[in-house]
Amino acid sequence: MVRSINPKKAKRKNKKKGEASSSSIPSMPTRVWQPGVDKLEDGEELQCDPSVYNSLHGFHVGWPCLSFDILGDKLGLNRTEFPHTLYMVAGTQAEKAPLNSIGLFKISNVSGKRRDVVPKTLVNGDDAMEDEDDEDEDSDSDEESEDGASTTPVIQVRRVAHHGCVNRIRAMPQSPHICVSWADSGHVQVWDMSSHLNALAESETEGKDGTSPVLNQAPLVNFSGHKDEGYAIDWSPATAGRLLSGDCVSMIHLWEPASGSWTVDPIPLAGHTASVEDLQWSPAEANVFASCSVDKTVAVWDVRVGKSPALSFKAHDADVNVISWNRLASCMLASGSDDGAFSIHDLRVIKDGDAKVAHFEYHKHPITSIEWSAHESSTLAVSSGDNQLTIWDLSLEKDEEEEAEFKAQTKEQVNTPQDLPPQLLFVHQGQKDLKELHWHNQIPGMIISTAADGFNILMPYNIQNTLPDLAA
């Protein structure tokens, strides 16, 4: 599995503009680009359609980051009103080991606008639709005419020195100021970032200019018991402080919290025959977790029972790079492979060593990240080496009657491509060498992604941005 980012290739390059004036170029009808199907002809270029996002922002903070995590905060559990504020932690992939750092980010003034996925029923005839269109156009023009600072996210950052590239970084769900990093040096380190997060929360200017110094700080724990570097790491959502770390020589170590520190079991859990790529604790059972490996398998473990997995099954025909355990439907586990395929496994129906209930081969390059939505049990997001971030709703099936109804409401052509799965909701492009994505647990519909050329914050308009009404 190719994971590293080449910093020399990660610098932004300005695209050259065509010399011909716009008036000399014949107008062409706008069409949707189908990755893997359509090809760019000479002189053609892709353009982003901002109208399909409720919010879309990009930013670059220096060295690229292979991994990041969104931090839980106290700003509200179900935030739907713009502008948004969020916190996150990220680790760099610098050209030289001493140049690396862990960044604590406060990103405020994340602007956007909420829209209905399906336009409201027309009650006043055609004028209602025209008024809505005019309103959107006026809103867009207002955004363009306003001072750029009012619609551009404000980014504040505090940096802590980290020797070596950060392979992966995760924040403890119960205490987001406690973070763990996997270094390419083979060390797993736990950090207390409370002072930096407090400084960001209490100030609107701290680290705002992007030139804040890199601070030196000792980690709470520095574990060097792994025999090689690794990428797999996960905090338990059920037991605060409980941690797993897996390495590239197939070993997994269990960490238990102990009086403000951690005790790491020196005897590893062994069950894979190749590199452990990802780890996920069960959202429902405190002692159960899953792992995936280059050996093409997914294993499920119970830490109360020995040092070997309770069950193991072949998940893919190539390396299994990433997994995600559905927090709203705890029997469902998603996995992404090095051959571009991703699958859904129902752990209740394992038969003949197979639990697969859905399989998709849309992507043609390695799957680099996969994650279920925290708000919709059937929705997940996937990123791939083909520079696409895709969003899927597994509850969807092709429905010709529904398409006809939608067409009647929008008065637009709705011709669903026959060669695309009906479960594919959205395709986001524009980032190079996508590495990781996360849904924001407290802002429904928001996804953050990292790539060689920086971060994107996106909220597609057709993704539900409010929590479902449980009383309905």
Protein backbone atom coordinates (compact mmCIF):
# COMPACT_ATOMS: atom_id res chain seq x y z
CA MET A 1 0.00 0.00 0.00
CA VAL A 2 1.41 3.39 -0.99
CA ARG A 3 0.83 5.84 1.87
CA SER A 4 3.58 8.43 1.87
CA ILE A 5 3.36 11.85 0.29
CA ASN A 6 6.29 13.24 -1.65
CA PRO A 7 6.67 16.77 -0.22
CA LYS A 8 8.52 17.95 -3.31
CA LYS A 9 5.49 17.14 -5.42
CA ALA A 10 3.02 18.51 -2.91
CA LYS A 11 3.59 22.18 -3.68
CA ARG A 12 0.79 23.98 -5.46
CA LYS A 13 1.24 24.74 -9.13
CA ASN A 14 -0.62 27.56 -10.83
CA LYS A 15 -2.55 26.41 -13.86
CA LYS A 16 -1.79 28.26 -17.05
CA LYS A 17 -4.71 30.11 -18.51
CA GLY A 18 -5.52 29.84 -22.19
CA GLU A 19 -4.44 32.77 -24.33
CA ALA A 20 -7.69 32.95 -26.27
CA SER A 21 -10.29 35.39 -25.00
CA SER A 22 -13.62 34.11 -23.77
CA SER A 23 -15.38 35.81 -26.64
CA SER A 24 -13.39 33.78 -29.17
CA ILE A 25 -14.37 30.45 -27.62
CA PRO A 26 -17.74 29.05 -28.71
CA SER A 27 -20.06 28.36 -25.81
CA MET A 28 -20.44 24.69 -24.95
CA PRO A 29 -23.27 23.11 -22.98
CA THR A 30 -22.39 22.28 -19.38
CA ARG A 31 -22.24 18.56 -18.66
CA VAL A 32 -21.37 16.42 -15.67
CA TRP A 33 -17.93 14.81 -15.77
CA GLN A 34 -17.93 11.07 -15.16
CA PRO A 35 -14.54 9.97 -13.77
CA GLY A 36 -13.25 6.82 -15.38
CA VAL A 37 -15.74 7.22 -18.24
CA ASP A 38 -15.10 10.61 -19.81
CA LYS A 39 -11.76 11.81 -21.15
CA LEU A 40 -10.47 15.35 -21.41
CA GLU A 41 -9.81 16.50 -24.95
CA ASP A 42 -7.06 18.96 -25.82
CA GLY A 43 -7.95 22.40 -24.52
CA GLU A 44 -10.62 21.10 -22.13
CA GLU A 45 -10.43 21.56 -18.39
CA LEU A 46 -12.65 20.62 -15.48
CA GLN A 47 -14.48 23.32 -13.57
CA CYS A 48 -16.00 22.99 -10.14
CA ASP A 49 -19.72 23.66 -9.87
CA PRO A 50 -20.08 25.51 -6.53
CA SER A 51 -23.87 25.32 -6.73
CA VAL A 52 -23.78 21.63 -5.64
CA TYR A 53 -22.26 22.52 -2.26
CA ASN A 54 -23.84 24.14 0.74
CA SER A 55 -20.28 24.95 1.77
CA LEU A 56 -16.88 24.42 0.16
CA HIS A 57 -13.55 25.74 1.39
CA GLY A 58 -9.93 24.76 0.87
CA PHE A 59 -6.78 25.70 2.75
CA HIS A 60 -3.11 24.79 2.84
CA VAL A 61 -0.96 24.99 5.97
CA GLY A 62 2.59 24.23 4.80
CA TRP A 63 3.76 20.65 4.77
CA PRO A 64 1.10 18.15 3.67
CA CYS A 65 -0.63 16.01 6.25
CA LEU A 66 -1.22 12.28 5.83
CA SER A 67 -3.59 12.11 8.81
CA PHE A 68 -5.82 14.33 10.95
CA ASP A 69 -8.75 14.09 13.34
CA ILE A 70 -11.70 16.32 14.13
CA LEU A 71 -11.92 17.26 17.81
CA GLY A 72 -15.13 17.14 19.79
CA ASP A 73 -16.07 20.52 21.26
CA LYS A 74 -18.68 22.19 23.47
CA LEU A 75 -20.22 24.38 20.78
CA GLY A 76 -23.31 22.20 20.29
CA LEU A 77 -24.17 18.66 19.29
CA ASN A 78 -26.29 19.38 16.22
CA ARG A 79 -25.08 22.58 14.59
CA THR A 80 -26.84 23.61 11.40
CA GLU A 81 -26.46 27.39 11.23
CA PHE A 82 -23.63 29.11 9.37
CA PRO A 83 -20.96 30.22 10.01
CA HIS A 84 -19.43 27.19 11.71
CA THR A 85 -16.41 26.85 14.00
CA LEU A 86 -14.48 23.62 14.37
CA TYR A 87 -11.29 22.24 15.91
CA MET A 88 -8.94 19.60 14.55
CA VAL A 89 -5.48 18.09 14.98
CA ALA A 90 -3.15 17.07 12.16
CA GLY A 91 0.38 15.73 11.73
CA THR A 92 2.78 16.70 8.98
CA GLN A 93 4.80 14.80 6.37
CA ALA A 94 7.82 17.08 6.07
CA GLU A 95 10.84 16.55 3.86
CA LYS A 96 13.17 16.23 6.86
CA ALA A 97 12.34 14.60 10.21
CA PRO A 98 13.09 17.66 12.43
CA LEU A 99 10.71 19.84 10.39
CA ASN A 100 7.61 17.87 11.38
CA SER A 101 4.99 19.02 13.83
CA ILE A 102 1.52 18.36 15.19
CA GLY A 103 -0.87 21.20 14.47
CA LEU A 104 -3.87 22.15 16.61
CA PHE A 105 -6.37 24.08 14.50
CA LYS A 106 -9.27 26.37 15.21
CA ILE A 107 -11.18 27.10 12.00
CA SER A 108 -13.92 29.69 12.36
CA ASN A 109 -16.21 31.59 10.01
CA VAL A 110 -16.84 28.54 7.84
CA SER A 111 -19.53 30.10 5.67
CA GLY A 112 -22.20 28.60 3.46
CA LYS A 113 -25.93 28.39 3.01
CA ARG A 114 -28.56 25.73 3.65
CA ARG A 115 -30.78 24.58 0.80
CA ASP A 116 -33.43 21.94 0.39
CA VAL A 117 -32.29 18.81 -1.40
CA VAL A 118 -35.60 18.81 -3.31
CA PRO A 119 -37.14 22.24 -4.01
CA LYS A 120 -40.27 23.04 -2.02
CA THR A 121 -43.56 22.23 -3.70
CA LEU A 122 -44.50 24.93 -6.14
CA VAL A 123 -47.58 26.65 -4.82
CA ASN A 124 -47.51 29.75 -6.99
CA GLY A 125 -46.75 28.26 -10.36
CA ASP A 126 -43.61 28.96 -12.34
CA ASP A 127 -42.98 32.25 -10.54
CA ALA A 128 -42.08 30.42 -7.34
CA MET A 129 -39.27 28.55 -9.06
CA GLU A 130 -38.06 31.70 -10.75
CA ASP A 131 -38.07 33.58 -7.44
CA GLU A 132 -35.98 30.82 -5.85
CA ASP A 133 -33.49 30.96 -8.72
CA ASP A 134 -33.30 34.75 -8.47
CA GLU A 135 -32.72 34.49 -4.72
CA ASP A 136 -29.82 32.08 -5.28
CA GLU A 137 -28.31 34.37 -7.89
CA ASP A 138 -28.64 37.40 -5.64
CA SER A 139 -27.11 35.48 -2.76
CA ASP A 140 -24.18 34.40 -4.91
CA SER A 141 -23.57 37.92 -6.16
CA ASP A 142 -23.78 39.28 -2.61
CA GLU A 143 -21.13 36.82 -1.49
CA GLU A 144 -18.85 37.92 -4.30
CA SER A 145 -19.34 41.60 -3.56
CA GLU A 146 -18.76 41.37 0.17
CA ASP A 147 -15.39 41.79 1.82
CA GLY A 148 -13.46 38.54 1.29
CA ALA A 149 -12.69 38.26 5.01
CA SER A 150 -16.37 37.89 5.82
CA THR A 151 -16.77 34.65 3.85
CA THR A 152 -13.27 33.20 4.12
CA PRO A 153 -12.57 30.82 7.01
CA VAL A 154 -10.29 32.15 9.74
CA ILE A 155 -7.55 29.63 10.51
CA GLN A 156 -5.65 29.67 13.79
CA VAL A 157 -2.97 27.11 14.56
CA ARG A 158 -0.62 26.12 17.37
CA ARG A 159 2.21 23.75 16.48
CA VAL A 160 4.07 21.21 18.63
CA ALA A 161 7.35 19.71 17.45
CA HIS A 162 7.18 16.05 16.41
CA HIS A 163 10.33 14.22 15.39
CA GLY A 164 9.57 12.29 12.23
CA CYS A 165 6.56 12.13 9.93
CA VAL A 166 3.17 11.54 11.51
CA ASN A 167 1.75 8.38 9.94
CA ARG A 168 -1.55 8.67 11.79
CA ILE A 169 -3.04 10.77 14.56
CA ARG A 170 -6.19 10.34 16.63
CA ALA A 171 -7.87 12.25 19.47
CA MET A 172 -9.52 10.49 22.39
CA PRO A 173 -13.32 10.82 21.99
CA GLN A 174 -13.93 11.33 25.73
CA SER A 175 -11.06 13.83 26.17
CA PRO A 176 -10.22 15.44 22.79
CA HIS A 177 -7.18 17.24 24.19
CA ILE A 178 -5.46 13.84 24.55
CA CYS A 179 -4.03 12.76 21.18
CA VAL A 180 -1.94 9.81 20.03
CA SER A 181 0.48 9.85 17.09
CA TRP A 182 2.13 7.05 15.12
CA ALA A 183 5.57 8.20 13.91
CA ASP A 184 7.55 6.78 11.00
CA SER A 185 10.35 6.31 13.53
CA GLY A 186 8.36 3.45 15.07
CA HIS A 187 7.30 5.36 18.18
CA VAL A 188 3.73 5.76 19.42
CA GLN A 189 3.32 8.90 21.52
CA VAL A 190 0.45 10.26 23.62
CA TRP A 191 0.14 14.03 23.98
CA ASP A 192 -1.78 16.43 26.23
CA MET A 193 -2.77 19.36 24.00
CA SER A 194 -5.06 21.10 26.51
CA SER A 195 -2.95 24.26 26.87
CA HIS A 196 -2.89 24.81 23.09
CA LEU A 197 -6.61 24.21 22.64
CA ASN A 198 -7.39 26.55 25.53
CA ALA A 199 -5.22 29.25 23.98
CA LEU A 200 -7.04 28.91 20.65
CA ALA A 201 -10.48 28.87 22.26
CA GLU A 202 -9.82 31.99 24.33
CA SER A 203 -8.38 34.12 21.54
CA GLU A 204 -9.46 35.27 18.08
CA THR A 205 -5.89 36.11 17.07
CA GLU A 206 -3.70 33.34 18.54
CA GLY A 207 -1.78 31.73 15.66
CA LYS A 208 -3.89 33.59 13.11
CA ASP A 209 -1.01 34.81 10.96
CA GLY A 210 0.21 31.26 10.35
CA THR A 211 3.69 32.10 11.59
CA SER A 212 3.29 30.89 15.16
CA PRO A 213 6.48 29.24 16.44
CA VAL A 214 6.80 25.48 16.74
CA LEU A 215 6.71 24.72 20.45
CA ASN A 216 8.65 21.97 22.18
CA GLN A 217 6.67 19.69 24.45
CA ALA A 218 7.34 16.25 25.90
CA PRO A 219 4.73 13.56 25.25
CA LEU A 220 2.92 11.94 28.17
CA VAL A 221 3.99 8.51 26.89
CA ASN A 222 6.57 7.42 24.32
CA PHE A 223 6.14 3.74 23.47
CA SER A 224 8.93 2.08 21.48
CA GLY A 225 7.86 -1.54 21.86
CA HIS A 226 6.77 -2.00 18.25
CA LYS A 227 9.43 -3.61 16.06
CA ASP A 228 8.53 -1.46 13.05
CA GLU A 229 6.54 1.65 12.20
CA GLY A 230 2.81 1.44 11.71
CA TYR A 231 -0.38 3.21 10.71
CA ALA A 232 -3.14 1.45 12.62
CA ILE A 233 -4.37 3.10 15.80
CA ASP A 234 -7.73 3.63 17.53
CA TRP A 235 -9.16 4.88 20.83
CA SER A 236 -11.99 2.95 22.44
CA PRO A 237 -15.32 4.82 22.30
CA ALA A 238 -16.57 2.82 25.32
CA THR A 239 -13.61 2.86 27.73
CA ALA A 240 -11.84 6.21 28.08
CA GLY A 241 -8.11 5.90 27.49
CA ARG A 242 -8.14 2.37 26.10
CA LEU A 243 -6.05 2.24 22.96
CA LEU A 244 -4.84 -0.09 20.21
CA SER A 245 -1.77 0.29 17.99
CA GLY A 246 -0.80 -1.99 15.11
CA ASP A 247 2.41 -2.12 13.10
CA CYS A 248 3.78 -3.14 9.71
CA VAL A 249 5.03 -6.50 11.01
CA SER A 250 1.50 -7.69 11.89
CA MET A 251 1.54 -7.06 15.66
CA ILE A 252 -1.11 -5.27 17.74
CA HIS A 253 -0.54 -3.86 21.24
CA LEU A 254 -3.30 -3.12 23.75
CA TRP A 255 -2.97 -0.02 25.93
CA GLU A 256 -4.83 0.35 29.22
CA PRO A 257 -5.15 3.66 31.14
CA ALA A 258 -3.44 3.61 34.55
CA SER A 259 -3.29 6.55 37.00
CA GLY A 260 -2.83 9.32 34.46
CA SER A 261 -0.59 7.23 32.23
CA TRP A 262 -0.84 3.99 30.24
CA THR A 263 0.23 0.40 30.62
CA VAL A 264 1.05 -1.28 27.32
CA ASP A 265 0.81 -5.06 27.18
CA PRO A 266 4.31 -6.21 26.09
CA ILE A 267 2.87 -9.38 24.56
CA PRO A 268 1.21 -8.39 21.27
CA LEU A 269 -1.99 -9.73 19.80
CA ALA A 270 -1.02 -11.88 16.82
CA GLY A 271 -3.30 -13.16 14.09
CA HIS A 272 -2.33 -11.50 10.83
CA THR A 273 0.50 -12.61 8.56
CA ALA A 274 1.31 -9.16 7.15
CA SER A 275 1.08 -5.47 8.01
CA VAL A 276 -1.89 -4.36 10.11
CA GLU A 277 -3.31 -1.40 8.20
CA ASP A 278 -6.23 -0.23 10.32
CA LEU A 279 -7.99 -0.86 13.64
CA GLN A 280 -11.54 -0.12 14.79
CA TRP A 281 -13.10 -0.69 18.20
CA SER A 282 -16.68 -1.95 18.19
CA PRO A 283 -19.17 0.84 18.87
CA ALA A 284 -21.37 -1.59 20.82
CA GLU A 285 -19.08 -3.97 22.73
CA ALA A 286 -16.32 -2.56 24.93
CA ASN A 287 -13.93 -5.52 24.54
CA VAL A 288 -14.30 -6.17 20.82
CA PHE A 289 -12.36 -4.65 17.95
CA ALA A 290 -11.64 -5.32 14.27
CA SER A 291 -8.40 -5.18 12.29
CA CYS A 292 -7.49 -5.35 8.61
CA SER A 293 -4.27 -6.32 6.93
CA VAL A 294 -2.16 -6.60 3.81
CA ASP A 295 -2.87 -10.33 4.11
CA LYS A 296 -6.32 -9.52 2.57
CA THR A 297 -8.25 -10.40 5.73
CA VAL A 298 -10.39 -8.72 8.36
CA ALA A 299 -10.19 -10.11 11.88
CA VAL A 300 -12.51 -9.59 14.86
CA TRP A 301 -10.99 -9.84 18.35
CA ASP A 302 -12.18 -10.05 21.96
CA VAL A 303 -9.45 -8.76 24.30
CA ARG A 304 -10.81 -10.92 27.13
CA VAL A 305 -10.06 -14.11 25.23
CA GLY A 306 -6.41 -14.86 24.46
CA LYS A 307 -4.07 -13.23 21.96
CA SER A 308 -5.62 -14.44 18.72
CA PRO A 309 -8.74 -13.31 16.82
CA ALA A 310 -12.17 -14.70 17.56
CA LEU A 311 -12.82 -14.89 13.83
CA SER A 312 -11.09 -13.97 10.59
CA PHE A 313 -12.28 -13.88 6.98
CA LYS A 314 -10.92 -12.94 3.57
CA ALA A 315 -12.35 -9.53 2.77
CA HIS A 316 -10.72 -8.66 -0.56
CA ASP A 317 -8.48 -9.96 -3.33
CA ALA A 318 -5.83 -7.36 -2.47
CA ASP A 319 -4.46 -5.54 0.60
CA VAL A 320 -7.20 -4.32 2.94
CA ASN A 321 -6.18 -0.71 3.61
CA VAL A 322 -8.95 0.71 5.79
CA ILE A 323 -12.04 -0.28 7.76
CA SER A 324 -14.90 1.56 9.43
CA TRP A 325 -17.38 0.18 11.96
CA ASN A 326 -20.89 1.59 11.65
CA ARG A 327 -21.79 3.34 14.92
CA LEU A 328 -25.53 3.36 14.14
CA ALA A 329 -25.75 -0.22 12.85
CA SER A 330 -23.06 -2.06 14.78
CA CYS A 331 -23.32 -5.26 12.76
CA MET A 332 -22.01 -3.48 9.66
CA LEU A 333 -18.31 -3.11 8.88
CA ALA A 334 -16.98 -1.37 5.75
CA SER A 335 -13.59 -2.15 4.22
CA GLY A 336 -11.54 -0.61 1.42
CA SER A 337 -8.93 -2.37 -0.66
CA ASP A 338 -5.75 -1.61 -2.57
CA ASP A 339 -7.45 -2.59 -5.84
CA GLY A 340 -10.03 0.22 -5.49
CA ALA A 341 -12.93 -1.94 -4.33
CA PHE A 342 -14.83 -1.46 -1.09
CA SER A 343 -17.21 -3.85 0.62
CA ILE A 344 -19.83 -3.95 3.35
CA HIS A 345 -19.76 -6.91 5.75
CA ASP A 346 -22.62 -7.99 8.01
CA LEU A 347 -20.96 -9.66 10.99
CA ARG A 348 -24.21 -11.45 11.87
CA VAL A 349 -24.23 -13.58 8.73
CA ILE A 350 -20.71 -14.90 8.32
CA LYS A 351 -21.02 -17.98 6.16
CA ASP A 352 -18.16 -20.07 4.77
CA GLY A 353 -15.71 -17.39 5.85
CA ASP A 354 -17.58 -14.59 4.09
CA ALA A 355 -19.71 -11.79 5.55
CA LYS A 356 -19.94 -9.61 2.44
CA VAL A 357 -23.38 -8.16 1.69
CA ALA A 358 -22.38 -5.39 -0.74
CA HIS A 359 -19.38 -4.81 -2.99
CA PHE A 360 -18.47 -1.81 -5.18
CA GLU A 361 -15.75 -1.51 -7.82
CA TYR A 362 -16.33 2.12 -8.82
CA HIS A 363 -12.85 3.33 -7.84
CA LYS A 364 -9.90 2.03 -9.85
CA HIS A 365 -7.09 3.12 -7.51
CA PRO A 366 -6.38 2.19 -3.85
CA ILE A 367 -8.98 3.14 -1.26
CA THR A 368 -7.21 5.45 1.20
CA SER A 369 -10.02 6.21 3.66
CA ILE A 370 -13.55 5.06 4.42
CA GLU A 371 -15.95 6.24 7.11
CA TRP A 372 -19.62 5.80 7.98
CA SER A 373 -21.67 8.91 8.69
CA ALA A 374 -22.37 9.49 12.37
CA HIS A 375 -25.89 10.69 11.49
CA GLU A 376 -27.16 8.36 8.75
CA SER A 377 -26.71 4.61 9.18
CA SER A 378 -26.73 3.89 5.44
CA THR A 379 -24.34 6.67 4.36
CA LEU A 380 -20.57 6.48 4.07
CA ALA A 381 -17.76 8.41 2.41
CA VAL A 382 -14.78 6.96 0.56
CA SER A 383 -11.53 8.50 -0.73
CA SER A 384 -9.22 6.96 -3.29
CA GLY A 385 -5.91 7.34 -5.04
CA ASP A 386 -7.88 8.38 -8.13
CA ASN A 387 -8.31 11.81 -6.47
CA GLN A 388 -12.02 11.29 -5.87
CA LEU A 389 -14.00 11.54 -2.64
CA THR A 390 -17.31 9.76 -3.08
CA ILE A 391 -20.40 9.65 -0.87
CA TRP A 392 -22.74 6.67 -0.92
CA ASP A 393 -26.20 5.88 0.42
CA LEU A 394 -26.59 2.13 0.53
CA SER A 395 -30.34 2.37 1.07
CA LEU A 396 -30.89 3.70 -2.45
CA GLU A 397 -32.07 1.73 -5.45
CA LYS A 398 -32.93 2.89 -8.93
CA ASP A 399 -36.53 4.15 -8.93
CA GLU A 400 -37.90 5.37 -12.26
CA GLU A 401 -41.09 6.75 -10.68
CA GLU A 402 -39.12 8.82 -8.18
CA GLU A 403 -36.89 10.16 -10.96
CA ALA A 404 -39.96 11.21 -12.93
CA GLU A 405 -41.39 12.98 -9.86
CA PHE A 406 -38.12 14.79 -9.22
CA LYS A 407 -37.95 15.82 -12.86
CA ALA A 408 -41.45 17.25 -12.64
CA GLN A 409 -40.59 19.24 -9.52
CA THR A 410 -37.32 20.67 -10.80
CA LYS A 411 -38.35 20.96 -14.46
CA GLU A 412 -34.89 19.73 -15.39
CA GLN A 413 -33.59 16.74 -17.27
CA VAL A 414 -32.88 13.92 -14.85
CA ASN A 415 -31.09 11.24 -16.80
CA THR A 416 -29.36 8.91 -14.35
CA PRO A 417 -26.15 7.50 -15.91
CA GLN A 418 -26.64 3.81 -16.51
CA ASP A 419 -23.01 2.99 -15.78
CA LEU A 420 -22.96 4.52 -12.28
CA PRO A 421 -24.32 2.76 -9.18
CA PRO A 422 -27.60 4.25 -7.93
CA GLN A 423 -26.10 4.33 -4.41
CA LEU A 424 -23.51 6.92 -5.50
CA LEU A 425 -24.72 10.25 -4.12
CA PHE A 426 -21.84 12.63 -4.76
CA VAL A 427 -18.37 12.87 -6.30
CA HIS A 428 -15.96 15.50 -5.00
CA GLN A 429 -12.76 16.23 -6.91
CA GLY A 430 -10.04 18.85 -7.03
CA GLN A 431 -7.59 17.47 -4.46
CA LYS A 432 -4.43 15.62 -5.40
CA ASP A 433 -3.34 12.45 -3.61
CA LEU A 434 -6.28 12.18 -1.20
CA LYS A 435 -5.30 10.45 2.03
CA GLU A 436 -7.95 10.71 4.72
CA LEU A 437 -11.46 11.99 5.38
CA HIS A 438 -13.70 12.42 8.42
CA TRP A 439 -17.32 13.40 8.99
CA HIS A 440 -17.87 16.06 11.62
CA ASN A 441 -19.88 14.38 14.39
CA GLN A 442 -21.47 17.64 15.54
CA ILE A 443 -22.13 19.31 12.17
CA PRO A 444 -24.33 16.98 10.11
CA GLY A 445 -23.33 16.79 6.45
CA MET A 446 -19.83 18.23 6.89
CA ILE A 447 -16.77 16.31 5.67
CA ILE A 448 -13.12 17.33 5.97
CA SER A 449 -10.48 15.72 3.76
CA THR A 450 -6.71 15.96 3.53
CA ALA A 451 -4.48 15.51 0.50
CA ALA A 452 -0.99 16.38 -0.72
CA ASP A 453 -2.15 19.86 -1.69
CA GLY A 454 -4.06 20.70 1.49
CA PHE A 455 -7.43 20.37 3.21
CA ASN A 456 -11.00 20.71 1.96
CA ILE A 457 -14.11 21.38 4.03
CA LEU A 458 -17.22 20.39 2.10
CA MET A 459 -20.96 20.10 2.64
CA PRO A 460 -22.67 18.72 -0.48
CA TYR A 461 -26.18 20.06 -0.90
CA ASN A 462 -27.75 16.62 -1.34
CA ILE A 463 -26.45 15.26 1.97
CA GLN A 464 -28.86 15.62 4.89
CA ASN A 465 -27.59 18.39 7.16
CA THR A 466 -29.99 17.90 10.04
CA LEU A 467 -30.36 14.99 12.38
CA PRO A 468 -33.30 12.67 11.69
CA ASP A 469 -36.41 13.26 13.77
CA LEU A 470 -36.47 10.24 16.05
CA ALA A 471 -40.00 11.00 17.09
CA ALA A 472 -41.31 10.75 13.54
